[in-house]
Amino acid sequence: MRMTEVDGPVTGDAGRAAAAGAVLLAGDDLWSDLPPTARAIVVAAIDSFADRGFHATTLRHIAAGSGLSTAALYVHFRSKDDVLFEVSRRGHARALGLVRAAAAGEPAGHAFRTLVYAFSRWHAEQRTVARVVQYEFAALGPEHREQVTVLRRATERIVREVVAEVFGGVDPERPDVRGVATAVLSLGVDVARWFTPSGPYTPDGIGRLYCELAERMLVPARV
């Protein structure tokens, strides 16, 4: 498996986290198991959802973007709601998989840095998908939203557990632990909103920067 490229050195805490995170991100493809037609539909839907928003996107937009007829879409998806759910489910499952794999590292400080690096870098590299996954959550129907919420809560729980370990094995529900976990996740998610390849940061640079910034939050509050 080819390692995702890193721009900076692999020495030091951030560098080692970058190297570990790059391994977790290598070969990232959410749609590798889909047949070509279904993949084309999903890619076109993502572009339209990200550009127009879910509610302003029609099946005709998706059909035009995929080069298919509207009728052909129904072979793979019953509605644009089902397409959004498939994108959201896979995106959240990927985020959960990343934090779970990073959390398995040792010691806890390295696991935390790797988690922050991988999570923030993924939101830069997969910014279009991530914008749909994170910012169209409210557009999911109640049943689909409930299923995705399970993935979101699992991700949050793992981040809290890693932070709790860094704090010395404290209660993951402690307010300062929850605060750091919320801040880390919020910072990473927001990368998808503002990141552009022509900007001052590369995905690796963002991962390293956030890794170092997040580490400054690791000062347990007095309880």
Protein backbone atom coordinates (compact mmCIF):
# COMPACT_ATOMS: atom_id res chain seq x y z
CA MET A 1 0.00 0.00 0.00
CA ARG A 2 1.47 3.35 -1.03
CA MET A 3 1.83 5.87 1.76
CA THR A 4 0.10 9.21 1.36
CA GLU A 5 2.75 11.86 0.84
CA VAL A 6 3.89 14.12 3.66
CA ASP A 7 5.57 17.46 3.05
CA GLY A 8 7.62 17.87 6.18
CA PRO A 9 10.08 15.80 8.19
CA VAL A 10 8.95 12.66 10.00
CA THR A 11 10.98 13.50 13.09
CA GLY A 12 9.53 15.04 16.25
CA ASP A 13 6.08 14.41 17.70
CA ALA A 14 4.15 16.04 14.85
CA GLY A 15 6.30 14.37 12.24
CA ARG A 16 5.80 10.93 13.71
CA ALA A 17 2.05 11.57 13.92
CA ALA A 18 2.07 12.68 10.28
CA ALA A 19 3.85 9.50 9.22
CA ALA A 20 1.40 7.33 11.14
CA GLY A 21 -1.59 9.29 9.89
CA ALA A 22 -0.41 9.08 6.29
CA VAL A 23 -0.43 5.30 6.52
CA LEU A 24 -4.05 5.38 7.74
CA LEU A 25 -5.07 7.65 4.87
CA ALA A 26 -3.26 5.79 2.08
CA GLY A 27 -5.44 4.47 -0.71
CA ASP A 28 -8.51 6.32 0.54
CA ASP A 29 -11.45 5.61 -1.79
CA LEU A 30 -14.98 5.58 -0.38
CA TRP A 31 -16.51 4.27 -3.59
CA SER A 32 -14.10 1.49 -4.61
CA ASP A 33 -16.76 -1.23 -4.26
CA LEU A 34 -19.41 0.52 -6.36
CA PRO A 35 -20.02 -0.41 -10.00
CA PRO A 36 -18.99 2.35 -12.45
CA THR A 37 -22.53 3.62 -13.04
CA ALA A 38 -23.37 3.89 -9.35
CA ARG A 39 -20.01 5.57 -8.74
CA ALA A 40 -20.73 8.15 -11.46
CA ILE A 41 -24.10 8.91 -9.85
CA VAL A 42 -22.58 9.36 -6.40
CA VAL A 43 -19.78 11.61 -7.67
CA ALA A 44 -22.23 13.78 -9.61
CA ALA A 45 -24.53 14.00 -6.60
CA ILE A 46 -21.68 15.03 -4.31
CA ASP A 47 -20.63 17.81 -6.67
CA SER A 48 -24.21 19.09 -6.92
CA PHE A 49 -24.92 18.81 -3.19
CA ALA A 50 -21.71 20.69 -2.41
CA ASP A 51 -22.38 23.38 -5.03
CA ARG A 52 -26.15 23.86 -4.77
CA GLY A 53 -27.03 22.28 -1.46
CA PHE A 54 -29.14 19.16 -1.05
CA HIS A 55 -32.54 20.81 -1.26
CA ALA A 56 -31.71 22.77 -4.43
CA THR A 57 -30.35 19.67 -6.17
CA THR A 58 -32.74 17.75 -8.40
CA LEU A 59 -32.44 14.32 -9.97
CA ARG A 60 -31.97 16.09 -13.29
CA HIS A 61 -28.88 17.82 -11.93
CA ILE A 62 -27.48 14.47 -10.82
CA ALA A 63 -28.39 12.80 -14.11
CA ALA A 64 -26.76 15.57 -16.12
CA GLY A 65 -23.61 15.40 -14.03
CA SER A 66 -23.34 11.64 -14.37
CA GLY A 67 -24.17 11.52 -18.07
CA LEU A 68 -27.15 9.26 -17.43
CA SER A 69 -30.88 9.56 -17.89
CA THR A 70 -33.04 10.25 -14.86
CA ALA A 71 -34.61 6.83 -15.29
CA ALA A 72 -31.19 5.18 -15.13
CA LEU A 73 -30.62 6.63 -11.66
CA TYR A 74 -33.48 4.59 -10.23
CA VAL A 75 -31.65 1.38 -11.07
CA HIS A 76 -29.19 2.17 -8.26
CA PHE A 77 -30.98 4.65 -5.98
CA ARG A 78 -34.64 5.20 -5.22
CA SER A 79 -34.23 8.93 -4.62
CA LYS A 80 -31.71 11.69 -4.02
CA ASP A 81 -32.39 11.13 -0.31
CA ASP A 82 -30.93 7.64 -0.65
CA VAL A 83 -27.88 9.04 -2.44
CA LEU A 84 -27.29 11.54 0.36
CA PHE A 85 -27.62 8.79 2.94
CA GLU A 86 -25.12 6.59 1.13
CA VAL A 87 -22.61 9.45 0.95
CA SER A 88 -23.19 10.44 4.57
CA ARG A 89 -23.04 6.89 5.88
CA ARG A 90 -19.80 6.10 4.11
CA GLY A 91 -18.20 9.40 5.02
CA HIS A 92 -19.03 9.09 8.70
CA ALA A 93 -17.96 5.44 8.72
CA ARG A 94 -14.62 6.47 7.23
CA ALA A 95 -14.14 9.17 9.86
CA LEU A 96 -14.96 6.65 12.59
CA GLY A 97 -12.52 4.16 11.11
CA LEU A 98 -9.76 6.76 11.04
CA VAL A 99 -10.14 7.82 14.67
CA ARG A 100 -10.50 4.20 15.79
CA ALA A 101 -7.30 3.18 14.01
CA ALA A 102 -5.42 6.23 15.30
CA ALA A 103 -6.64 5.61 18.85
CA ALA A 104 -5.01 2.16 18.79
CA GLY A 105 -1.56 3.77 18.70
CA GLU A 106 0.69 4.04 21.74
CA PRO A 107 1.42 5.92 23.86
CA ALA A 108 -1.77 7.94 24.31
CA GLY A 109 -0.12 11.22 23.34
CA HIS A 110 0.99 9.78 20.00
CA ALA A 111 -2.47 8.32 19.43
CA PHE A 112 -4.02 11.73 20.07
CA ARG A 113 -1.67 13.53 17.67
CA THR A 114 -2.18 10.91 14.98
CA LEU A 115 -5.94 11.15 15.38
CA VAL A 116 -5.93 14.93 15.01
CA TYR A 117 -3.59 14.77 12.03
CA ALA A 118 -5.56 12.11 10.15
CA PHE A 119 -8.99 13.60 10.91
CA SER A 120 -8.08 17.14 9.83
CA ARG A 121 -6.09 16.05 6.79
CA TRP A 122 -8.95 13.83 5.60
CA HIS A 123 -11.29 16.81 5.70
CA ALA A 124 -8.85 18.75 3.51
CA GLU A 125 -8.15 16.00 0.98
CA GLN A 126 -11.80 14.94 0.79
CA ARG A 127 -13.19 18.46 1.22
CA THR A 128 -16.08 18.14 -1.27
CA VAL A 129 -17.31 14.87 0.19
CA ALA A 130 -16.71 16.14 3.72
CA ARG A 131 -18.78 19.30 3.13
CA VAL A 132 -21.72 17.15 2.11
CA VAL A 133 -21.18 14.64 4.90
CA GLN A 134 -20.85 17.24 7.64
CA TYR A 135 -23.01 20.15 6.50
CA GLU A 136 -25.96 18.32 4.94
CA PHE A 137 -26.55 16.16 8.01
CA ALA A 138 -29.78 18.00 8.81
CA ALA A 139 -31.15 17.17 5.36
CA LEU A 140 -31.20 13.45 6.12
CA GLY A 141 -34.57 11.89 6.81
CA PRO A 142 -35.31 10.87 10.42
CA GLU A 143 -34.43 7.18 9.97
CA HIS A 144 -31.25 7.91 8.05
CA ARG A 145 -30.26 10.64 10.48
CA GLU A 146 -30.62 8.25 13.39
CA GLN A 147 -28.29 5.73 11.74
CA VAL A 148 -25.66 8.36 10.99
CA THR A 149 -25.98 9.77 14.51
CA VAL A 150 -24.83 6.40 15.85
CA LEU A 151 -21.61 6.78 13.83
CA ARG A 152 -21.10 10.37 14.94
CA ARG A 153 -21.52 9.49 18.60
CA ALA A 154 -19.13 6.57 18.28
CA THR A 155 -16.52 8.89 16.79
CA GLU A 156 -16.99 11.42 19.58
CA ARG A 157 -16.72 8.70 22.21
CA ILE A 158 -13.41 7.44 20.87
CA VAL A 159 -11.92 10.93 20.78
CA ARG A 160 -13.02 11.51 24.39
CA GLU A 161 -11.47 8.21 25.44
CA VAL A 162 -8.14 9.11 23.86
CA VAL A 163 -8.13 12.52 25.52
CA ALA A 164 -9.04 10.90 28.85
CA GLU A 165 -6.04 8.58 28.51
CA VAL A 166 -3.74 11.52 27.81
CA PHE A 167 -5.10 13.16 30.98
CA GLY A 168 -4.07 10.08 32.95
CA GLY A 169 -7.03 7.75 32.58
CA VAL A 170 -9.70 10.12 33.87
CA ASP A 171 -13.44 9.87 33.25
CA PRO A 172 -14.13 10.44 29.50
CA GLU A 173 -17.29 12.32 30.48
CA ARG A 174 -15.40 14.92 32.50
CA PRO A 175 -16.17 18.45 31.21
CA ASP A 176 -12.58 19.32 30.24
CA VAL A 177 -12.22 16.04 28.36
CA ARG A 178 -15.48 16.60 26.49
CA GLY A 179 -14.41 20.16 25.74
CA VAL A 180 -11.11 19.13 24.14
CA ALA A 181 -12.80 16.38 22.14
CA THR A 182 -15.47 18.76 20.86
CA ALA A 183 -12.87 21.37 19.90
CA VAL A 184 -10.72 18.82 18.05
CA LEU A 185 -13.65 17.50 16.06
CA SER A 186 -14.97 20.98 15.29
CA LEU A 187 -11.59 22.18 14.04
CA GLY A 188 -11.23 19.17 11.77
CA VAL A 189 -14.75 19.35 10.36
CA ASP A 190 -14.42 23.06 9.58
CA VAL A 191 -11.40 22.41 7.35
CA ALA A 192 -13.81 21.14 4.70
CA ARG A 193 -15.52 24.54 4.65
CA TRP A 194 -12.50 26.75 4.03
CA PHE A 195 -9.73 24.63 2.57
CA THR A 196 -8.64 25.28 -1.01
CA PRO A 197 -5.66 23.71 -2.81
CA SER A 198 -4.53 27.16 -3.94
CA GLY A 199 -4.37 28.44 -0.35
CA PRO A 200 -1.35 28.68 1.95
CA TYR A 201 -1.66 25.16 3.38
CA THR A 202 -1.31 21.66 2.00
CA PRO A 203 -3.37 18.86 3.56
CA ASP A 204 -0.22 17.62 5.29
CA GLY A 205 0.50 21.14 6.53
CA ILE A 206 -2.98 21.44 7.98
CA GLY A 207 -2.65 18.09 9.69
CA ARG A 208 0.65 19.08 11.30
CA LEU A 209 -0.59 22.53 12.31
CA TYR A 210 -3.74 21.18 13.93
CA CYS A 211 -1.76 18.43 15.60
CA GLU A 212 0.42 21.04 17.31
CA LEU A 213 -2.47 23.39 18.12
CA ALA A 214 -4.59 20.59 19.59
CA GLU A 215 -1.76 19.49 21.84
CA ARG A 216 -1.88 22.89 23.54
CA MET A 217 -5.40 22.04 24.72
CA LEU A 218 -4.09 19.11 26.75
CA VAL A 219 -4.00 20.88 30.09
CA PRO A 220 -6.45 19.19 32.47
CA ALA A 221 -8.77 21.55 34.28
CA ARG A 222 -8.97 21.46 38.05
CA VAL A 223 -11.94 19.38 39.08
